[in-house]
Structure formats: structure tokens, C-alpha cells
């Protein structure tokens, strides 16, 4: 069985470094230590300007007042007079009281 995928040819103009670049660090780290702004160990030790207010942390309520709740539209037609059977419907002679 032959493979129709051509083998990639080595490119003479690209050096080995260009083909597989050496990863370099671009962050401000020294010996694996990350330097960040000073952080408090606990909220009690933090600067008051850095601690969010309780009101900022509260999520808005999704509960609605009785007047704000959506209402179902009024039906102009009476309930249909059929009986559901499986995935089809069968017409009945008399409407059934539900």
C-alpha cells in the first residue's frame, strides 16, 4: 500500500533554531518567583479601599412582586374536544370535563 501524503522536505534556508524555537521567558519573574502587588493575608489586614463593600457583593434578586409577574395570555377559544392517545389524537363525541 502506498502513502499518497508527500514527506515534508527539509528547508535549507531555515536553521534548526527557526524550526524548533527555544522557549524564552518574557515575564517579570526571577528564579521562579512571581512578583505581584502586596496582598493582605486576610480581609482584616487589607487596605479598606481594596475590600469590596457588602452591597457590591450582593447579587440582585430575581424574585418579582405580584404585580410584576408575567401573565399568561387569555385564550379566546375553548379547550379543544379531543383526547390525546400516544403521539396522536382521537376525536371524541363528547367533550370531557377535566
N, C-alpha and C. Protein backbone atom coordinates (compact mmCIF):
# COMPACT_ATOMS: atom_id res chain seq x y z
N UNK A 1 0.85 -1.17 0.00
CA UNK A 1 0.00 0.00 0.00
C UNK A 1 0.89 1.23 0.00
N UNK A 2 0.56 2.19 -0.84
CA UNK A 2 1.40 3.38 -0.92
C UNK A 2 0.74 4.53 -0.20
N UNK A 3 1.58 5.39 0.34
CA UNK A 3 1.09 6.56 1.05
C UNK A 3 1.12 7.74 0.09
N UNK A 4 -0.03 8.38 -0.13
CA UNK A 4 -0.08 9.48 -1.08
C UNK A 4 0.33 10.81 -0.45
N UNK A 5 0.58 10.82 0.85
CA UNK A 5 0.99 12.05 1.52
C UNK A 5 2.48 12.25 1.30
N UNK A 6 2.87 13.38 0.69
CA UNK A 6 4.30 13.59 0.46
C UNK A 6 5.03 13.88 1.77
N UNK A 7 6.25 13.41 1.84
CA UNK A 7 7.07 13.66 3.02
C UNK A 7 7.51 15.12 3.00
N UNK A 8 7.49 15.78 4.15
CA UNK A 8 7.95 17.17 4.17
C UNK A 8 9.45 17.22 3.91
N UNK A 9 9.83 18.13 3.04
CA UNK A 9 11.24 18.26 2.70
C UNK A 9 11.90 19.25 3.65
N UNK A 10 13.10 18.95 4.11
CA UNK A 10 13.78 19.90 4.99
C UNK A 10 14.10 21.17 4.23
N UNK A 11 13.89 22.28 4.88
CA UNK A 11 14.15 23.57 4.25
C UNK A 11 15.55 24.01 4.61
N UNK A 12 16.33 24.24 3.59
CA UNK A 12 17.72 24.63 3.82
C UNK A 12 17.83 26.03 4.39
N UNK A 13 16.92 26.93 4.01
CA UNK A 13 17.05 28.31 4.45
C UNK A 13 16.67 28.51 5.91
N UNK A 14 15.95 27.56 6.52
CA UNK A 14 15.59 27.68 7.93
C UNK A 14 16.60 26.93 8.78
N UNK A 15 17.07 27.59 9.79
CA UNK A 15 18.01 26.92 10.69
C UNK A 15 17.23 26.01 11.63
N UNK A 16 17.94 25.18 12.36
CA UNK A 16 17.29 24.29 13.32
C UNK A 16 16.59 25.10 14.40
N UNK A 17 17.14 26.24 14.78
CA UNK A 17 16.53 27.10 15.80
C UNK A 17 15.21 27.67 15.30
N UNK A 18 15.12 28.00 14.02
CA UNK A 18 13.89 28.56 13.46
C UNK A 18 12.81 27.49 13.37
N UNK A 19 13.20 26.24 13.16
CA UNK A 19 12.22 25.17 13.06
C UNK A 19 11.67 24.79 14.42
N UNK A 20 12.50 24.75 15.43
CA UNK A 20 12.06 24.44 16.79
C UNK A 20 12.63 25.51 17.72
N UNK A 21 11.89 26.60 17.90
CA UNK A 21 12.42 27.69 18.71
C UNK A 21 12.55 27.30 20.18
N UNK A 22 13.53 27.88 20.81
CA UNK A 22 13.75 27.65 22.23
C UNK A 22 12.84 28.58 23.01
N UNK A 23 12.04 28.05 23.95
CA UNK A 23 11.15 28.92 24.72
C UNK A 23 11.95 29.89 25.58
N UNK A 24 11.50 31.13 25.57
CA UNK A 24 12.15 32.13 26.41
C UNK A 24 11.11 32.77 27.30
N UNK A 25 11.52 33.19 28.46
CA UNK A 25 10.61 33.80 29.41
C UNK A 25 10.51 35.29 29.13
N UNK A 26 9.28 35.78 29.01
CA UNK A 26 9.08 37.20 28.78
C UNK A 26 8.41 37.87 29.97
N UNK A 27 8.19 37.13 31.04
CA UNK A 27 7.52 37.71 32.21
C UNK A 27 8.56 38.26 33.17
N UNK A 28 8.07 39.01 34.15
CA UNK A 28 8.95 39.62 35.15
C UNK A 28 9.16 38.66 36.31
N UNK A 29 9.74 37.53 36.07
CA UNK A 29 9.98 36.56 37.13
C UNK A 29 11.47 36.42 37.35
N UNK A 30 11.82 36.08 38.56
CA UNK A 30 13.23 35.83 38.86
C UNK A 30 13.31 34.57 39.70
N UNK A 31 13.99 33.58 39.20
CA UNK A 31 14.17 32.30 39.88
C UNK A 31 12.84 31.64 40.23
N UNK A 32 11.83 31.77 39.36
CA UNK A 32 10.56 31.11 39.59
C UNK A 32 9.63 31.86 40.53
N UNK A 33 10.04 33.00 41.05
CA UNK A 33 9.18 33.77 41.95
C UNK A 33 8.42 34.80 41.14
N UNK A 34 7.12 34.85 41.37
CA UNK A 34 6.28 35.81 40.69
C UNK A 34 6.14 37.02 41.59
N UNK A 35 6.37 38.18 41.03
CA UNK A 35 6.23 39.39 41.83
C UNK A 35 4.87 40.00 41.54
N UNK A 36 4.07 40.17 42.56
CA UNK A 36 2.75 40.76 42.45
C UNK A 36 2.66 41.89 43.46
N UNK A 37 1.67 42.75 43.31
CA UNK A 37 1.49 43.79 44.32
C UNK A 37 1.25 43.16 45.68
N UNK A 38 1.57 43.89 46.71
CA UNK A 38 1.42 43.36 48.07
C UNK A 38 -0.04 43.01 48.32
N UNK A 39 -0.26 41.81 48.82
CA UNK A 39 -1.61 41.36 49.14
C UNK A 39 -1.68 41.06 50.62
N UNK A 40 -2.82 41.39 51.21
CA UNK A 40 -3.01 41.13 52.63
C UNK A 40 -3.28 39.65 52.84
N UNK A 41 -2.90 39.15 53.99
CA UNK A 41 -3.14 37.75 54.34
C UNK A 41 -4.62 37.49 54.59
N UNK A 42 -5.34 38.47 55.11
CA UNK A 42 -6.76 38.30 55.40
C UNK A 42 -7.47 39.63 55.12
N UNK A 43 -8.80 39.60 54.96
CA UNK A 43 -9.53 40.85 54.72
C UNK A 43 -9.36 41.86 55.85
N UNK A 44 -9.15 41.39 57.07
CA UNK A 44 -8.98 42.31 58.19
C UNK A 44 -7.69 43.11 58.05
N UNK A 45 -6.67 42.52 57.42
CA UNK A 45 -5.39 43.20 57.26
C UNK A 45 -5.33 44.05 56.00
N UNK A 46 -6.33 43.94 55.14
CA UNK A 46 -6.29 44.62 53.85
C UNK A 46 -6.60 46.10 54.00
N UNK A 47 -6.15 46.84 53.00
CA UNK A 47 -6.44 48.27 52.93
C UNK A 47 -7.95 48.42 52.72
N UNK A 48 -8.61 49.30 53.46
CA UNK A 48 -10.07 49.45 53.32
C UNK A 48 -10.51 49.78 51.89
N UNK A 49 -9.66 50.42 51.12
CA UNK A 49 -10.02 50.74 49.74
C UNK A 49 -9.99 49.50 48.84
N UNK A 50 -9.33 48.44 49.28
CA UNK A 50 -9.21 47.22 48.48
C UNK A 50 -10.34 46.23 48.76
N UNK A 51 -11.03 46.38 49.87
CA UNK A 51 -12.08 45.44 50.26
C UNK A 51 -13.41 45.92 49.70
N UNK A 52 -14.11 45.08 48.92
CA UNK A 52 -15.41 45.50 48.37
C UNK A 52 -16.46 45.59 49.47
N UNK A 53 -17.40 46.49 49.26
CA UNK A 53 -18.49 46.64 50.22
C UNK A 53 -19.45 45.46 50.09
N UNK A 54 -20.19 45.19 51.14
CA UNK A 54 -21.16 44.09 51.13
C UNK A 54 -22.19 44.32 50.04
N UNK A 55 -22.60 45.57 49.83
CA UNK A 55 -23.60 45.87 48.81
C UNK A 55 -23.07 45.52 47.41
N UNK A 56 -21.75 45.66 47.22
CA UNK A 56 -21.17 45.34 45.92
C UNK A 56 -21.16 43.83 45.66
N UNK A 57 -21.13 43.04 46.72
CA UNK A 57 -21.04 41.60 46.58
C UNK A 57 -22.40 40.93 46.46
N UNK A 58 -23.47 41.62 46.85
CA UNK A 58 -24.81 41.02 46.81
C UNK A 58 -25.28 40.92 45.37
N UNK A 59 -25.91 39.78 45.06
CA UNK A 59 -26.45 39.60 43.73
C UNK A 59 -27.88 40.12 43.70
N UNK A 60 -28.31 40.65 42.57
CA UNK A 60 -29.68 41.17 42.50
C UNK A 60 -30.70 40.05 42.63
N UNK A 61 -31.82 40.38 43.23
CA UNK A 61 -32.88 39.39 43.42
C UNK A 61 -33.60 39.16 42.11
N UNK A 62 -33.96 37.91 41.86
CA UNK A 62 -34.75 37.59 40.67
C UNK A 62 -36.22 37.44 41.02
N UNK A 63 -36.54 37.59 42.30
CA UNK A 63 -37.93 37.46 42.74
C UNK A 63 -38.70 38.70 42.32
N UNK A 64 -39.90 38.50 41.82
CA UNK A 64 -40.72 39.61 41.35
C UNK A 64 -41.88 39.83 42.30
N UNK A 65 -42.31 41.07 42.36
CA UNK A 65 -43.50 41.41 43.13
C UNK A 65 -44.72 40.87 42.39
N UNK A 66 -45.83 40.62 43.09
CA UNK A 66 -47.01 40.04 42.42
C UNK A 66 -47.47 40.82 41.19
N UNK A 67 -47.34 42.12 41.18
CA UNK A 67 -47.77 42.91 40.03
C UNK A 67 -46.80 42.82 38.86
N UNK A 68 -45.57 42.39 39.09
CA UNK A 68 -44.56 42.34 38.04
C UNK A 68 -44.47 40.98 37.36
N UNK A 69 -45.13 39.97 37.90
CA UNK A 69 -45.04 38.63 37.33
C UNK A 69 -45.74 38.59 35.98
N UNK A 70 -45.17 37.87 35.02
CA UNK A 70 -45.81 37.78 33.71
C UNK A 70 -47.12 36.99 33.79
N UNK A 71 -48.09 37.42 33.02
CA UNK A 71 -49.39 36.76 33.00
C UNK A 71 -49.54 35.98 31.70
N UNK A 72 -50.20 34.85 31.79
CA UNK A 72 -50.48 34.05 30.60
C UNK A 72 -51.55 34.76 29.78
N UNK A 73 -51.43 34.73 28.46
CA UNK A 73 -52.46 35.39 27.65
C UNK A 73 -53.79 34.67 27.77
N UNK A 74 -54.86 35.44 27.69
CA UNK A 74 -56.21 34.87 27.78
C UNK A 74 -56.49 34.13 26.48
N UNK A 75 -57.14 32.96 26.61
CA UNK A 75 -57.49 32.16 25.44
C UNK A 75 -58.85 32.59 24.92
N UNK A 76 -58.92 32.83 23.63
CA UNK A 76 -60.19 33.19 23.00
C UNK A 76 -61.01 31.94 22.67
N UNK A 77 -60.32 30.82 22.49
CA UNK A 77 -61.00 29.59 22.10
C UNK A 77 -61.16 28.69 23.32
N UNK A 78 -62.24 27.89 23.35
CA UNK A 78 -62.39 26.93 24.44
C UNK A 78 -61.38 25.79 24.27
N UNK A 79 -61.25 24.97 25.28
CA UNK A 79 -60.36 23.81 25.21
C UNK A 79 -60.78 22.94 24.03
N UNK A 80 -59.85 22.39 23.28
CA UNK A 80 -60.22 21.52 22.17
C UNK A 80 -60.89 20.24 22.68
N UNK A 81 -61.80 19.71 21.89
CA UNK A 81 -62.52 18.50 22.30
C UNK A 81 -61.90 17.27 21.64
N UNK A 82 -60.73 16.91 22.10
CA UNK A 82 -60.08 15.70 21.63
C UNK A 82 -59.34 15.06 22.80
N UNK A 83 -59.00 13.82 22.61
CA UNK A 83 -58.30 13.07 23.65
C UNK A 83 -56.95 12.63 23.08
N UNK A 84 -55.91 12.92 23.81
CA UNK A 84 -54.58 12.55 23.35
C UNK A 84 -54.35 11.07 23.63
N UNK A 85 -53.88 10.35 22.60
CA UNK A 85 -53.56 8.94 22.74
C UNK A 85 -52.18 8.74 22.12
N UNK A 86 -51.21 8.38 22.94
CA UNK A 86 -49.85 8.20 22.42
C UNK A 86 -49.34 9.51 21.86
N UNK A 87 -48.90 9.46 20.59
CA UNK A 87 -48.42 10.68 19.98
C UNK A 87 -49.43 11.23 18.99
N UNK A 88 -50.61 10.62 18.91
CA UNK A 88 -51.65 11.10 18.02
C UNK A 88 -52.86 11.57 18.82
N UNK A 89 -53.89 12.01 18.14
CA UNK A 89 -55.12 12.42 18.80
C UNK A 89 -56.30 11.68 18.17
N UNK A 90 -57.30 11.42 18.98
CA UNK A 90 -58.51 10.77 18.53
C UNK A 90 -59.67 11.69 18.88
N UNK A 91 -60.48 12.06 17.89
CA UNK A 91 -61.64 12.92 18.16
C UNK A 91 -62.66 12.14 18.97
N UNK A 92 -63.30 12.80 19.90
CA UNK A 92 -64.33 12.17 20.73
C UNK A 92 -65.67 12.80 20.42
N UNK A 93 -66.72 12.06 20.75
CA UNK A 93 -68.08 12.54 20.52
C UNK A 93 -68.43 13.67 21.48
N UNK A 94 -68.10 13.48 22.76
CA UNK A 94 -68.46 14.46 23.78
C UNK A 94 -67.19 15.04 24.41
N UNK A 95 -67.20 16.33 24.67
CA UNK A 95 -66.05 16.89 25.38
C UNK A 95 -65.97 16.35 26.79
N UNK A 96 -64.78 16.03 27.24
CA UNK A 96 -64.60 15.51 28.58
C UNK A 96 -64.28 16.65 29.53
N UNK A 97 -64.87 16.60 30.68
CA UNK A 97 -64.59 17.61 31.70
C UNK A 97 -63.27 17.26 32.36
N UNK A 98 -62.38 18.22 32.51
CA UNK A 98 -61.07 17.93 33.05
C UNK A 98 -60.99 18.30 34.43
